[in-house]
Amino acid sequence: MTMQLSLGELAQRLGAELIGDADTVIRGVNTLKDATATDVSFLANPSYRSQLSDSNAGAVIVGAKDAESVKGAALVVANPYLSFARVTQMFDNRPQPVRGVHPSAVVAASATLGADVSIAANVVIGEHCVIGDGCEIGANTVIGDHCVLGRDCLLRANVTLYHDVVLGERVQVHSGAVIGADGFGFAPDKGRWHKIAQLGGVRIGNDADIGANTCVDRGALGDTVIGNHVILDNLIQVAHNVQIGDGTAIAACTAIAGSASIGARCTIAGGAGIAGHLEICDGVHIAGMALISKSITEPGAWASGTAQMPLQDWRRSATRFRQLDSMAKRLQQLEKRHEGKA
């Protein structure tokens, strides 16, 4: 059944001021450019303000300063992007799970399943696991021994949890993610690598979201710990014994080396690299493709690398980079000569 709400109902749920006809029916959410008369759209980025006058949206979620520029109905709120997020949840079209345990699932006799769980086809749940009320486990997912899932967790299809992984409440893990694999621990000796058994686990807090094909390694001795409300994008590597504070968001293809500690409310853009055994304080923003090789003790924005430029210009600059050491030495010699003559 297609979801639909009147603008009056929508305004009430959002706590928005409605400018327009409360009886207008909304059946979906779309961009300003593509929205139709039965869609609600939003303006959160000023770069798209020019599209307001041409949009065919049945209503647009806006801040107070943009309300007069809306061609049709307006839903005026303090935070348009947050209200947009709430509206998408109202119109979420994800198929609803079938409660119960699929006949093809393999659930250990010692495992405990909460009320109203949904266990899909070919799921494997190991010994002494505890699955909280309302959890949904997607097809082909494997949950190793001694794992604990809090209530209302959602593990999509083809997720793997190794043994001794603990998830808080309302944690979502997307397909292909691997939680609790061995950390990269090996001792070298005479040209050979000797594996170090990874004896810790993984602890993930409430309301975390783990992206597709992201890997969170178990601790070598203590646990790898991810805090509450942490969001990890797709294809992220979190190495053994990493600590990530509450509310931190990390974009795709970031790699975090072992025993790094990242504070609360940090944002790390895509492709960043975080060296091991360093600390990043609360409230730090790291730009895309940055390499962080030293601890950061003050909040703010940090970056590394060079800015985009035409290839020929970059090649000339790269040549200059290789010459910097010799240039610095010559400069020091010139300074000494100048000081000697002064």
C-alpha atoms as a PDB file:
ATOM      1  CA  MET A   1       0.000   0.000   0.000  1.00  0.00           C
ATOM      2  CA  THR A   2       1.361   3.429  -0.951  1.00  0.00           C
ATOM      3  CA  MET A   3       1.905   5.743   1.992  1.00  0.00           C
ATOM      4  CA  GLN A   4       0.096   9.058   1.858  1.00  0.00           C
ATOM      5  CA  LEU A   5      -0.347  11.949   4.262  1.00  0.00           C
ATOM      6  CA  SER A   6      -2.135  15.265   4.062  1.00  0.00           C
ATOM      7  CA  LEU A   7      -0.020  18.372   4.411  1.00  0.00           C
ATOM      8  CA  GLY A   8      -1.852  19.091   7.647  1.00  0.00           C
ATOM      9  CA  GLU A   9      -0.818  15.711   9.078  1.00  0.00           C
ATOM     10  CA  LEU A  10       2.725  16.192   7.826  1.00  0.00           C
ATOM     11  CA  ALA A  11       2.989  19.634   9.402  1.00  0.00           C
ATOM     12  CA  GLN A  12       1.680  18.282  12.702  1.00  0.00           C
ATOM     13  CA  ARG A  13       4.183  15.423  12.773  1.00  0.00           C
ATOM     14  CA  LEU A  14       7.065  17.761  11.953  1.00  0.00           C
ATOM     15  CA  GLY A  15       5.947  20.576  14.216  1.00  0.00           C
ATOM     16  CA  ALA A  16       6.110  22.807  11.133  1.00  0.00           C
ATOM     17  CA  GLU A  17       4.289  25.991  10.242  1.00  0.00           C
ATOM     18  CA  LEU A  18       2.198  25.238   7.150  1.00  0.00           C
ATOM     19  CA  ILE A  19       1.725  27.863   4.463  1.00  0.00           C
ATOM     20  CA  GLY A  20      -0.738  26.319   2.025  1.00  0.00           C
ATOM     21  CA  ASP A  21      -3.688  23.936   1.801  1.00  0.00           C
ATOM     22  CA  ALA A  22      -3.744  21.455   4.690  1.00  0.00           C
ATOM     23  CA  ASP A  23      -5.809  18.968   2.635  1.00  0.00           C
ATOM     24  CA  THR A  24      -3.207  18.531  -0.109  1.00  0.00           C
ATOM     25  CA  VAL A  25      -2.218  14.852  -0.293  1.00  0.00           C
ATOM     26  CA  ILE A  26       1.481  13.911  -0.282  1.00  0.00           C
ATOM     27  CA  ARG A  27       2.520  10.465  -1.510  1.00  0.00           C
ATOM     28  CA  GLY A  28       6.306  10.689  -1.720  1.00  0.00           C
ATOM     29  CA  VAL A  29       9.556  12.596  -1.277  1.00  0.00           C
ATOM     30  CA  ASN A  30      11.714  13.933  -4.099  1.00  0.00           C
ATOM     31  CA  THR A  31      14.273  16.536  -5.105  1.00  0.00           C
ATOM     32  CA  LEU A  32      13.276  20.074  -5.985  1.00  0.00           C
ATOM     33  CA  LYS A  33      14.059  19.345  -9.629  1.00  0.00           C
ATOM     34  CA  ASP A  34      12.122  16.082  -9.948  1.00  0.00           C
ATOM     35  CA  ALA A  35       9.261  16.522  -7.478  1.00  0.00           C
ATOM     36  CA  THR A  36       5.635  16.460  -8.661  1.00  0.00           C
ATOM     37  CA  ALA A  37       2.457  17.871  -7.139  1.00  0.00           C
ATOM     38  CA  THR A  38       2.127  14.849  -4.809  1.00  0.00           C
ATOM     39  CA  ASP A  39       5.724  15.023  -3.540  1.00  0.00           C
ATOM     40  CA  VAL A  40       7.282  16.934  -0.683  1.00  0.00           C
ATOM     41  CA  SER A  41      10.778  18.311  -1.215  1.00  0.00           C
ATOM     42  CA  PHE A  42      13.218  20.332   0.875  1.00  0.00           C
ATOM     43  CA  LEU A  43      15.819  23.075   0.723  1.00  0.00           C
ATOM     44  CA  ALA A  44      18.777  22.738   3.082  1.00  0.00           C
ATOM     45  CA  ASN A  45      21.670  23.725   0.806  1.00  0.00           C
ATOM     46  CA  PRO A  46      21.616  27.363  -0.388  1.00  0.00           C
ATOM     47  CA  SER A  47      23.176  26.222  -3.679  1.00  0.00           C
ATOM     48  CA  TYR A  48      19.766  24.876  -4.713  1.00  0.00           C
ATOM     49  CA  ARG A  49      17.759  27.999  -3.791  1.00  0.00           C
ATOM     50  CA  SER A  50      17.440  28.960  -7.466  1.00  0.00           C
ATOM     51  CA  GLN A  51      15.369  25.794  -8.053  1.00  0.00           C
ATOM     52  CA  LEU A  52      12.596  26.876  -5.687  1.00  0.00           C
ATOM     53  CA  SER A  53      10.791  29.033  -8.226  1.00  0.00           C
ATOM     54  CA  ASP A  54      10.688  26.252 -10.847  1.00  0.00           C
ATOM     55  CA  SER A  55       9.923  23.292  -8.583  1.00  0.00           C
ATOM     56  CA  ASN A  56       6.600  21.492  -9.045  1.00  0.00           C
ATOM     57  CA  ALA A  57       6.683  20.020  -5.539  1.00  0.00           C
ATOM     58  CA  GLY A  58       3.383  19.902  -3.699  1.00  0.00           C
ATOM     59  CA  ALA A  59       5.226  21.332  -0.688  1.00  0.00           C
ATOM     60  CA  VAL A  60       8.774  22.284   0.218  1.00  0.00           C
ATOM     61  CA  ILE A  61      10.394  22.052   3.640  1.00  0.00           C
ATOM     62  CA  VAL A  62      12.302  25.302   4.196  1.00  0.00           C
ATOM     63  CA  GLY A  63      13.664  27.626   6.820  1.00  0.00           C
ATOM     64  CA  ALA A  64      11.801  30.844   7.608  1.00  0.00           C
ATOM     65  CA  LYS A  65      14.013  33.011   5.379  1.00  0.00           C
ATOM     66  CA  ASP A  66      13.120  30.967   2.271  1.00  0.00           C
ATOM     67  CA  ALA A  67       9.386  30.566   2.855  1.00  0.00           C
ATOM     68  CA  GLU A  68       8.359  33.448   0.599  1.00  0.00           C
ATOM     69  CA  SER A  69      10.352  32.019  -2.328  1.00  0.00           C
ATOM     70  CA  VAL A  70       8.371  28.747  -2.430  1.00  0.00           C
ATOM     71  CA  LYS A  71       6.003  28.578  -5.408  1.00  0.00           C
ATOM     72  CA  GLY A  72       3.564  26.169  -3.765  1.00  0.00           C
ATOM     73  CA  ALA A  73       2.971  25.173  -0.149  1.00  0.00           C
ATOM     74  CA  ALA A  74       5.734  25.580   2.412  1.00  0.00           C
ATOM     75  CA  LEU A  75       6.498  23.665   5.585  1.00  0.00           C
ATOM     76  CA  VAL A  76       8.540  26.113   7.654  1.00  0.00           C
ATOM     77  CA  VAL A  77      10.895  24.549  10.204  1.00  0.00           C
ATOM     78  CA  ALA A  78      14.045  25.442  12.115  1.00  0.00           C
ATOM     79  CA  ASN A  79      16.142  22.646  10.608  1.00  0.00           C
ATOM     80  CA  PRO A  80      15.035  21.649   7.078  1.00  0.00           C
ATOM     81  CA  TYR A  81      17.564  18.839   6.682  1.00  0.00           C
ATOM     82  CA  LEU A  82      16.531  17.184   9.933  1.00  0.00           C
ATOM     83  CA  SER A  83      12.863  17.484   8.967  1.00  0.00           C
ATOM     84  CA  PHE A  84      13.661  15.979   5.564  1.00  0.00           C
ATOM     85  CA  ALA A  85      15.268  13.011   7.335  1.00  0.00           C
ATOM     86  CA  ARG A  86      12.143  12.533   9.440  1.00  0.00           C
ATOM     87  CA  VAL A  87       9.911  12.674   6.353  1.00  0.00           C
ATOM     88  CA  THR A  88      11.941   9.989   4.572  1.00  0.00           C
ATOM     89  CA  GLN A  89      11.298   7.703   7.527  1.00  0.00           C
ATOM     90  CA  MET A  90       7.560   8.318   7.221  1.00  0.00           C
ATOM     91  CA  PHE A  91       7.680   7.252   3.565  1.00  0.00           C
ATOM     92  CA  ASP A  92      10.201   4.431   4.014  1.00  0.00           C
ATOM     93  CA  ASN A  93       9.405   1.779   1.379  1.00  0.00           C
ATOM     94  CA  ARG A  94      11.591  -0.998   2.761  1.00  0.00           C
ATOM     95  CA  PRO A  95       9.749  -4.340   2.721  1.00  0.00           C
ATOM     96  CA  GLN A  96       8.458  -5.263   6.152  1.00  0.00           C
ATOM     97  CA  PRO A  97      10.051  -8.345   7.737  1.00  0.00           C
ATOM     98  CA  VAL A  98       8.199 -11.569   8.370  1.00  0.00           C
ATOM     99  CA  ARG A  99       8.313 -12.298  12.078  1.00  0.00           C
ATOM    100  CA  GLY A 100       9.537 -15.703  13.147  1.00  0.00           C
ATOM    101  CA  VAL A 101      12.357 -18.065  12.218  1.00  0.00           C
ATOM    102  CA  HIS A 102      12.672 -19.303   8.627  1.00  0.00           C
ATOM    103  CA  PRO A 103      12.741 -23.127   8.378  1.00  0.00           C
ATOM    104  CA  SER A 104      16.176 -23.058   6.721  1.00  0.00           C
ATOM    105  CA  ALA A 105      17.805 -21.040   9.530  1.00  0.00           C
ATOM    106  CA  VAL A 106      20.181 -22.857  11.880  1.00  0.00           C
ATOM    107  CA  VAL A 107      19.887 -21.615  15.443  1.00  0.00           C
ATOM    108  CA  ALA A 108      21.965 -23.185  18.212  1.00  0.00           C
ATOM    109  CA  ALA A 109      19.970 -24.768  21.025  1.00  0.00           C
ATOM    110  CA  SER A 110      21.804 -22.591  23.556  1.00  0.00           C
ATOM    111  CA  ALA A 111      20.929 -19.333  21.753  1.00  0.00           C
ATOM    112  CA  THR A 112      18.220 -17.063  23.155  1.00  0.00           C
ATOM    113  CA  LEU A 113      15.836 -15.282  20.801  1.00  0.00           C
ATOM    114  CA  GLY A 114      13.760 -12.322  21.974  1.00  0.00           C
ATOM    115  CA  ALA A 115      10.151 -11.557  21.145  1.00  0.00           C
ATOM    116  CA  ASP A 116       9.060 -10.567  17.623  1.00  0.00           C
ATOM    117  CA  VAL A 117      12.366 -11.392  15.954  1.00  0.00           C
ATOM    118  CA  SER A 118      12.679 -11.999  12.216  1.00  0.00           C
ATOM    119  CA  ILE A 119      15.253 -14.617  11.220  1.00  0.00           C
ATOM    120  CA  ALA A 120      15.462 -14.971   7.418  1.00  0.00           C
ATOM    121  CA  ALA A 121      16.518 -17.863   5.202  1.00  0.00           C
ATOM    122  CA  ASN A 122      19.888 -19.591   5.774  1.00  0.00           C
ATOM    123  CA  VAL A 123      20.794 -17.538   8.833  1.00  0.00           C
ATOM    124  CA  VAL A 124      23.215 -19.216  11.244  1.00  0.00           C
ATOM    125  CA  ILE A 125      23.188 -18.244  14.925  1.00  0.00           C
ATOM    126  CA  GLY A 126      25.894 -19.755  17.098  1.00  0.00           C
ATOM    127  CA  GLU A 127      26.085 -21.091  20.617  1.00  0.00           C
ATOM    128  CA  HIS A 128      25.081 -18.936  23.591  1.00  0.00           C
ATOM    129  CA  CYS A 129      24.044 -15.966  21.464  1.00  0.00           C
ATOM    130  CA  VAL A 130      21.415 -13.530  22.730  1.00  0.00           C
ATOM    131  CA  ILE A 131      19.221 -11.845  20.125  1.00  0.00           C
ATOM    132  CA  GLY A 132      17.129  -8.985  21.525  1.00  0.00           C
ATOM    133  CA  ASP A 133      13.436  -8.269  21.005  1.00  0.00           C
ATOM    134  CA  GLY A 134      12.426  -7.049  17.566  1.00  0.00           C
ATOM    135  CA  CYS A 135      15.729  -7.843  15.857  1.00  0.00           C
ATOM    136  CA  GLU A 136      15.745  -8.528  12.134  1.00  0.00           C
ATOM    137  CA  ILE A 137      18.435 -10.817  10.727  1.00  0.00           C
ATOM    138  CA  GLY A 138      18.732 -10.852   6.928  1.00  0.00           C
ATOM    139  CA  ALA A 139      19.245 -13.896   4.717  1.00  0.00           C
ATOM    140  CA  ASN A 140      22.599 -15.744   4.837  1.00  0.00           C
ATOM    141  CA  THR A 141      23.848 -13.773   7.809  1.00  0.00           C
ATOM    142  CA  VAL A 142      26.159 -15.625  10.198  1.00  0.00           C
ATOM    143  CA  ILE A 143      26.354 -14.758  13.890  1.00  0.00           C
ATOM    144  CA  GLY A 144      29.189 -16.467  15.727  1.00  0.00           C
ATOM    145  CA  ASP A 145      29.183 -17.897  19.237  1.00  0.00           C
ATOM    146  CA  HIS A 146      28.658 -15.680  22.289  1.00  0.00           C
ATOM    147  CA  CYS A 147      27.347 -12.672  20.376  1.00  0.00           C
ATOM    148  CA  VAL A 148      24.799 -10.315  21.924  1.00  0.00           C
ATOM    149  CA  LEU A 149      22.383  -8.083  20.001  1.00  0.00           C
ATOM    150  CA  GLY A 150      20.303  -5.485  21.803  1.00  0.00           C
ATOM    151  CA  ARG A 151      16.684  -4.878  20.913  1.00  0.00           C
ATOM    152  CA  ASP A 152      15.597  -3.753  17.422  1.00  0.00           C
ATOM    153  CA  CYS A 153      18.911  -4.388  15.677  1.00  0.00           C
ATOM    154  CA  LEU A 154      18.845  -4.815  11.910  1.00  0.00           C
ATOM    155  CA  LEU A 155      21.457  -6.998  10.219  1.00  0.00           C
ATOM    156  CA  ARG A 156      20.997  -6.973   6.462  1.00  0.00           C
ATOM    157  CA  ALA A 157      21.641  -9.982   4.234  1.00  0.00           C
ATOM    158  CA  ASN A 158      25.134 -11.524   4.172  1.00  0.00           C
ATOM    159  CA  VAL A 159      26.491  -9.915   7.321  1.00  0.00           C
ATOM    160  CA  THR A 160      29.131 -11.796   9.313  1.00  0.00           C
ATOM    161  CA  LEU A 161      29.631 -11.434  13.054  1.00  0.00           C
ATOM    162  CA  TYR A 162      32.539 -13.419  14.434  1.00  0.00           C
ATOM    163  CA  HIS A 163      32.384 -14.677  18.014  1.00  0.00           C
ATOM    164  CA  ASP A 164      32.139 -12.345  21.020  1.00  0.00           C
ATOM    165  CA  VAL A 165      30.629  -9.333  19.272  1.00  0.00           C
ATOM    166  CA  VAL A 166      28.230  -7.161  21.265  1.00  0.00           C
ATOM    167  CA  LEU A 167      25.822  -4.734  19.581  1.00  0.00           C
ATOM    168  CA  GLY A 168      23.744  -2.221  21.508  1.00  0.00           C
ATOM    169  CA  GLU A 169      20.154  -1.338  20.721  1.00  0.00           C
ATOM    170  CA  ARG A 170      18.912  -0.285  17.263  1.00  0.00           C
ATOM    171  CA  VAL A 171      22.208  -0.999  15.537  1.00  0.00           C
ATOM    172  CA  GLN A 172      22.039  -1.411  11.760  1.00  0.00           C
ATOM    173  CA  VAL A 173      24.705  -3.395   9.892  1.00  0.00           C
ATOM    174  CA  HIS A 174      24.579  -3.413   6.095  1.00  0.00           C
ATOM    175  CA  SER A 175      25.315  -6.261   3.696  1.00  0.00           C
ATOM    176  CA  GLY A 176      28.840  -7.563   3.373  1.00  0.00           C
ATOM    177  CA  ALA A 177      30.032  -6.035   6.630  1.00  0.00           C
ATOM    178  CA  VAL A 178      32.334  -8.172   8.759  1.00  0.00           C
ATOM    179  CA  ILE A 179      32.461  -7.472  12.479  1.00  0.00           C
ATOM    180  CA  GLY A 180      35.046  -9.180  14.648  1.00  0.00           C
ATOM    181  CA  ALA A 181      37.542 -10.550  12.117  1.00  0.00           C
ATOM    182  CA  ASP A 182      41.125 -10.954  13.324  1.00  0.00           C
ATOM    183  CA  GLY A 183      43.209  -7.825  13.576  1.00  0.00           C
ATOM    184  CA  PHE A 184      46.386  -7.542  11.513  1.00  0.00           C
ATOM    185  CA  GLY A 185      48.725  -8.917  14.175  1.00  0.00           C
ATOM    186  CA  PHE A 186      51.872 -10.854  13.238  1.00  0.00           C
ATOM    187  CA  ALA A 187      55.340 -11.117  14.777  1.00  0.00           C
ATOM    188  CA  PRO A 188      58.293 -11.258  12.325  1.00  0.00           C
ATOM    189  CA  ASP A 189      61.111 -13.747  12.785  1.00  0.00           C
ATOM    190  CA  LYS A 190      63.743 -14.811  10.263  1.00  0.00           C
ATOM    191  CA  GLY A 191      61.706 -13.940   7.224  1.00  0.00           C
ATOM    192  CA  ARG A 192      58.472 -15.455   8.482  1.00  0.00           C
ATOM    193  CA  TRP A 193      55.341 -14.017  10.070  1.00  0.00           C
ATOM    194  CA  HIS A 194      53.924 -15.628  13.210  1.00  0.00           C
ATOM    195  CA  LYS A 195      50.259 -14.945  13.868  1.00  0.00           C
ATOM    196  CA  ILE A 196      49.243 -13.256  17.122  1.00  0.00           C
ATOM    197  CA  ALA A 197      45.948 -14.680  18.362  1.00  0.00           C
ATOM    198  CA  GLN A 198      43.349 -11.911  18.617  1.00  0.00           C
ATOM    199  CA  LEU A 199      41.814 -12.460  22.036  1.00  0.00           C
ATOM    200  CA  GLY A 200      39.552  -9.417  22.367  1.00  0.00           C
ATOM    201  CA  GLY A 201      36.116  -8.731  20.966  1.00  0.00           C
ATOM    202  CA  VAL A 202      34.083  -5.882  19.471  1.00  0.00           C
ATOM    203  CA  ARG A 203      31.648  -3.649  21.363  1.00  0.00           C
ATOM    204  CA  ILE A 204      29.310  -1.353  19.417  1.00  0.00           C
ATOM    205  CA  GLY A 205      26.993   1.123  21.160  1.00  0.00           C
ATOM    206  CA  ASN A 206      23.359   2.053  20.635  1.00  0.00           C
ATOM    207  CA  ASP A 207      22.018   3.496  17.353  1.00  0.00           C
ATOM    208  CA  ALA A 208      25.206   2.864  15.388  1.00  0.00           C
ATOM    209  CA  ASP A 209      25.059   2.335  11.618  1.00  0.00           C
ATOM    210  CA  ILE A 210      27.716   0.199   9.921  1.00  0.00           C
ATOM    211  CA  GLY A 211      27.952   0.510   6.120  1.00  0.00           C
ATOM    212  CA  ALA A 212      28.171  -2.179   3.462  1.00  0.00           C
ATOM    213  CA  ASN A 213      31.476  -4.061   3.175  1.00  0.00           C
ATOM    214  CA  THR A 214      32.904  -2.258   6.171  1.00  0.00           C
ATOM    215  CA  CYS A 215      35.208  -4.267   8.426  1.00  0.00           C
ATOM    216  CA  VAL A 216      35.626  -3.822  12.176  1.00  0.00           C
ATOM    217  CA  ASP A 217      38.404  -6.016  13.551  1.00  0.00           C
ATOM    218  CA  ARG A 218      38.342  -7.570  16.996  1.00  0.00           C
ATOM    219  CA  GLY A 219      40.809  -6.454  19.644  1.00  0.00           C
ATOM    220  CA  ALA A 220      44.147  -8.151  20.126  1.00  0.00           C
ATOM    221  CA  LEU A 221      43.718  -8.213  23.907  1.00  0.00           C
ATOM    222  CA  GLY A 222      41.071  -5.659  24.922  1.00  0.00           C
ATOM    223  CA  ASP A 223      38.070  -4.844  22.754  1.00  0.00           C
ATOM    224  CA  THR A 224      37.593  -2.668  19.712  1.00  0.00           C
ATOM    225  CA  VAL A 225      34.958  -0.147  20.841  1.00  0.00           C
ATOM    226  CA  ILE A 226      32.559   1.944  18.744  1.00  0.00           C
ATOM    227  CA  GLY A 227      30.369   4.372  20.671  1.00  0.00           C
ATOM    228  CA  ASN A 228      26.718   5.367  20.540  1.00  0.00           C
ATOM    229  CA  HIS A 229      25.288   7.053  17.428  1.00  0.00           C
ATOM    230  CA  VAL A 230      28.442   6.391  15.386  1.00  0.00           C
ATOM    231  CA  ILE A 231      27.875   6.140  11.628  1.00  0.00           C
ATOM    232  CA  LEU A 232      30.363   4.336   9.403  1.00  0.00           C
ATOM    233  CA  ASP A 233      29.960   4.542   5.633  1.00  0.00           C
ATOM    234  CA  ASN A 234      30.720   1.724   3.175  1.00  0.00           C
ATOM    235  CA  LEU A 235      34.166   0.175   2.699  1.00  0.00           C
ATOM    236  CA  ILE A 236      35.773   1.405   5.917  1.00  0.00           C
ATOM    237  CA  GLN A 237      38.533  -0.477   7.727  1.00  0.00           C
ATOM    238  CA  VAL A 238      38.568  -0.229  11.526  1.00  0.00           C
ATOM    239  CA  ALA A 239      41.581  -2.097  12.865  1.00  0.00           C
ATOM    240  CA  HIS A 240      42.037  -3.908  16.173  1.00  0.00           C
ATOM    241  CA  ASN A 241      41.605  -1.990  19.425  1.00  0.00           C
ATOM    242  CA  VAL A 242      40.439   1.209  17.734  1.00  0.00           C
ATOM    243  CA  GLN A 243      38.196   3.405  19.910  1.00  0.00           C
ATOM    244  CA  ILE A 244      35.586   5.675  18.266  1.00  0.00           C
ATOM    245  CA  GLY A 245      33.664   8.156  20.407  1.00  0.00           C
ATOM    246  CA  ASP A 246      29.941   8.885  20.471  1.00  0.00           C
ATOM    247  CA  GLY A 247      28.384  10.666  17.510  1.00  0.00           C
ATOM    248  CA  THR A 248      31.373  10.431  15.175  1.00  0.00           C
ATOM    249  CA  ALA A 249      30.700  10.044  11.435  1.00  0.00           C
ATOM    250  CA  ILE A 250      33.218   8.494   9.028  1.00  0.00           C
ATOM    251  CA  ALA A 251      32.849   8.479   5.233  1.00  0.00           C
ATOM    252  CA  ALA A 252      33.701   5.728   2.753  1.00  0.00           C
ATOM    253  CA  CYS A 253      37.138   4.200   2.162  1.00  0.00           C
ATOM    254  CA  THR A 254      38.675   5.570   5.346  1.00  0.00           C
ATOM    255  CA  ALA A 255      41.257   3.275   6.975  1.00  0.00           C
ATOM    256  CA  ILE A 256      41.977   3.463  10.708  1.00  0.00           C
ATOM    257  CA  ALA A 257      45.060   1.632  11.939  1.00  0.00           C
ATOM    258  CA  GLY A 258      45.322  -0.325  15.158  1.00  0.00           C
ATOM    259  CA  SER A 259      44.877   1.248  18.600  1.00  0.00           C
ATOM    260  CA  ALA A 260      43.970   4.689  17.235  1.00  0.00           C
ATOM    261  CA  SER A 261      41.555   6.595  19.463  1.00  0.00           C
ATOM    262  CA  ILE A 262      39.049   8.924  17.796  1.00  0.00           C
ATOM    263  CA  GLY A 263      37.014  11.282  19.945  1.00  0.00           C
ATOM    264  CA  ALA A 264      33.320  12.119  20.054  1.00  0.00           C
ATOM    265  CA  ARG A 265      31.470  14.197  17.440  1.00  0.00           C
ATOM    266  CA  CYS A 266      34.270  13.979  14.884  1.00  0.00           C
ATOM    267  CA  THR A 267      33.704  13.873  11.131  1.00  0.00           C
ATOM    268  CA  ILE A 268      36.158  12.129   8.834  1.00  0.00           C
ATOM    269  CA  ALA A 269      35.731  12.588   5.101  1.00  0.00           C
ATOM    270  CA  GLY A 270      36.203   9.878   2.474  1.00  0.00           C
ATOM    271  CA  GLY A 271      39.501   8.173   1.786  1.00  0.00           C
ATOM    272  CA  ALA A 272      41.267   9.452   4.902  1.00  0.00           C
ATOM    273  CA  GLY A 273      44.022   7.426   6.536  1.00  0.00           C
ATOM    274  CA  ILE A 274      44.514   7.399  10.307  1.00  0.00           C
ATOM    275  CA  ALA A 275      47.821   6.019  11.591  1.00  0.00           C
ATOM    276  CA  GLY A 276      47.908   3.676  14.550  1.00  0.00           C
ATOM    277  CA  HIS A 277      48.426   4.441  18.234  1.00  0.00           C
ATOM    278  CA  LEU A 278      47.471   8.111  17.967  1.00  0.00           C
ATOM    279  CA  GLU A 279      44.682  10.142  19.551  1.00  0.00           C
ATOM    280  CA  ILE A 280      42.201  12.492  17.925  1.00  0.00           C
ATOM    281  CA  CYS A 281      40.324  14.715  20.357  1.00  0.00           C
ATOM    282  CA  ASP A 282      36.605  15.488  20.307  1.00  0.00           C
ATOM    283  CA  GLY A 283      35.161  17.774  17.657  1.00  0.00           C
ATOM    284  CA  VAL A 284      37.725  17.270  14.890  1.00  0.00           C
ATOM    285  CA  HIS A 285      36.911  17.418  11.162  1.00  0.00           C
ATOM    286  CA  ILE A 286      39.338  15.637   8.829  1.00  0.00           C
ATOM    287  CA  ALA A 287      39.172  16.490   5.147  1.00  0.00           C
ATOM    288  CA  GLY A 288      38.943  13.920   2.348  1.00  0.00           C
ATOM    289  CA  MET A 289      42.086  11.926   1.451  1.00  0.00           C
ATOM    290  CA  ALA A 290      43.964  13.335   4.442  1.00  0.00           C
ATOM    291  CA  LEU A 291      46.729  11.296   6.054  1.00  0.00           C
ATOM    292  CA  ILE A 292      46.782  11.776   9.807  1.00  0.00           C
ATOM    293  CA  SER A 293      50.130  10.626  11.169  1.00  0.00           C
ATOM    294  CA  LYS A 294      50.238  12.542  14.470  1.00  0.00           C
ATOM    295  CA  SER A 295      47.783  12.968  17.327  1.00  0.00           C
ATOM    296  CA  ILE A 296      45.374  15.912  17.152  1.00  0.00           C
ATOM    297  CA  THR A 297      44.807  17.612  20.500  1.00  0.00           C
ATOM    298  CA  GLU A 298      42.742  20.639  19.441  1.00  0.00           C
ATOM    299  CA  PRO A 299      39.296  20.576  17.781  1.00  0.00           C
ATOM    300  CA  GLY A 300      38.909  22.088  14.339  1.00  0.00           C
ATOM    301  CA  ALA A 301      39.424  21.183  10.690  1.00  0.00           C
ATOM    302  CA  TRP A 302      42.543  19.351   9.530  1.00  0.00           C
ATOM    303  CA  ALA A 303      43.814  18.333   6.086  1.00  0.00           C
ATOM    304  CA  SER A 304      46.910  17.093   4.284  1.00  0.00           C
ATOM    305  CA  GLY A 305      48.038  16.520   0.710  1.00  0.00           C
ATOM    306  CA  THR A 306      47.881  18.929  -2.199  1.00  0.00           C
ATOM    307  CA  ALA A 307      44.946  20.634  -3.819  1.00  0.00           C
ATOM    308  CA  GLN A 308      43.570  19.668  -7.218  1.00  0.00           C
ATOM    309  CA  MET A 309      45.418  21.220 -10.151  1.00  0.00           C
ATOM    310  CA  PRO A 310      46.050  20.521 -13.844  1.00  0.00           C
ATOM    311  CA  LEU A 311      48.343  17.532 -14.417  1.00  0.00           C
ATOM    312  CA  GLN A 312      51.214  19.536 -15.925  1.00  0.00           C
ATOM    313  CA  ASP A 313      51.147  21.976 -12.998  1.00  0.00           C
ATOM    314  CA  TRP A 314      51.120  19.074 -10.550  1.00  0.00           C
ATOM    315  CA  ARG A 315      54.143  17.488 -12.247  1.00  0.00           C
ATOM    316  CA  ARG A 316      56.101  20.723 -11.958  1.00  0.00           C
ATOM    317  CA  SER A 317      55.110  21.020  -8.309  1.00  0.00           C
ATOM    318  CA  ALA A 318      56.105  17.384  -7.664  1.00  0.00           C
ATOM    319  CA  THR A 319      59.542  18.152  -9.131  1.00  0.00           C
ATOM    320  CA  ARG A 320      59.827  21.107  -6.746  1.00  0.00           C
ATOM    321  CA  PHE A 321      58.875  18.877  -3.813  1.00  0.00           C
ATOM    322  CA  ARG A 322      61.841  16.617  -4.551  1.00  0.00           C
ATOM    323  CA  GLN A 323      64.104  19.674  -4.663  1.00  0.00           C
ATOM    324  CA  LEU A 324      62.946  21.160  -1.359  1.00  0.00           C
ATOM    325  CA  ASP A 325      65.636  19.500   0.758  1.00  0.00           C
ATOM    326  CA  SER A 326      68.527  20.707  -1.369  1.00  0.00           C
ATOM    327  CA  MET A 327      66.913  24.152  -1.676  1.00  0.00           C
ATOM    328  CA  ALA A 328      66.595  24.362   2.115  1.00  0.00           C
ATOM    329  CA  LYS A 329      70.249  23.455   2.560  1.00  0.00           C
ATOM    330  CA  ARG A 330      71.338  26.110   0.051  1.00  0.00           C
ATOM    331  CA  LEU A 331      69.145  28.672   1.812  1.00  0.00           C
ATOM    332  CA  GLN A 332      70.770  27.831   5.156  1.00  0.00           C
ATOM    333  CA  GLN A 333      74.216  28.279   3.606  1.00  0.00           C
ATOM    334  CA  LEU A 334      73.220  31.661   2.172  1.00  0.00           C
ATOM    335  CA  GLU A 335      71.838  32.770   5.558  1.00  0.00           C
ATOM    336  CA  LYS A 336      75.075  31.785   7.282  1.00  0.00           C
ATOM    337  CA  ARG A 337      77.110  33.714   4.718  1.00  0.00           C
ATOM    338  CA  HIS A 338      74.855  36.745   5.163  1.00  0.00           C
ATOM    339  CA  GLU A 339      75.185  36.560   8.950  1.00  0.00           C
ATOM    340  CA  GLY A 340      78.980  36.318   8.594  1.00  0.00           C
ATOM    341  CA  LYS A 341      79.087  39.502   6.549  1.00  0.00           C
ATOM    342  CA  ALA A 342      76.743  41.426   8.844  1.00  0.00           C
END
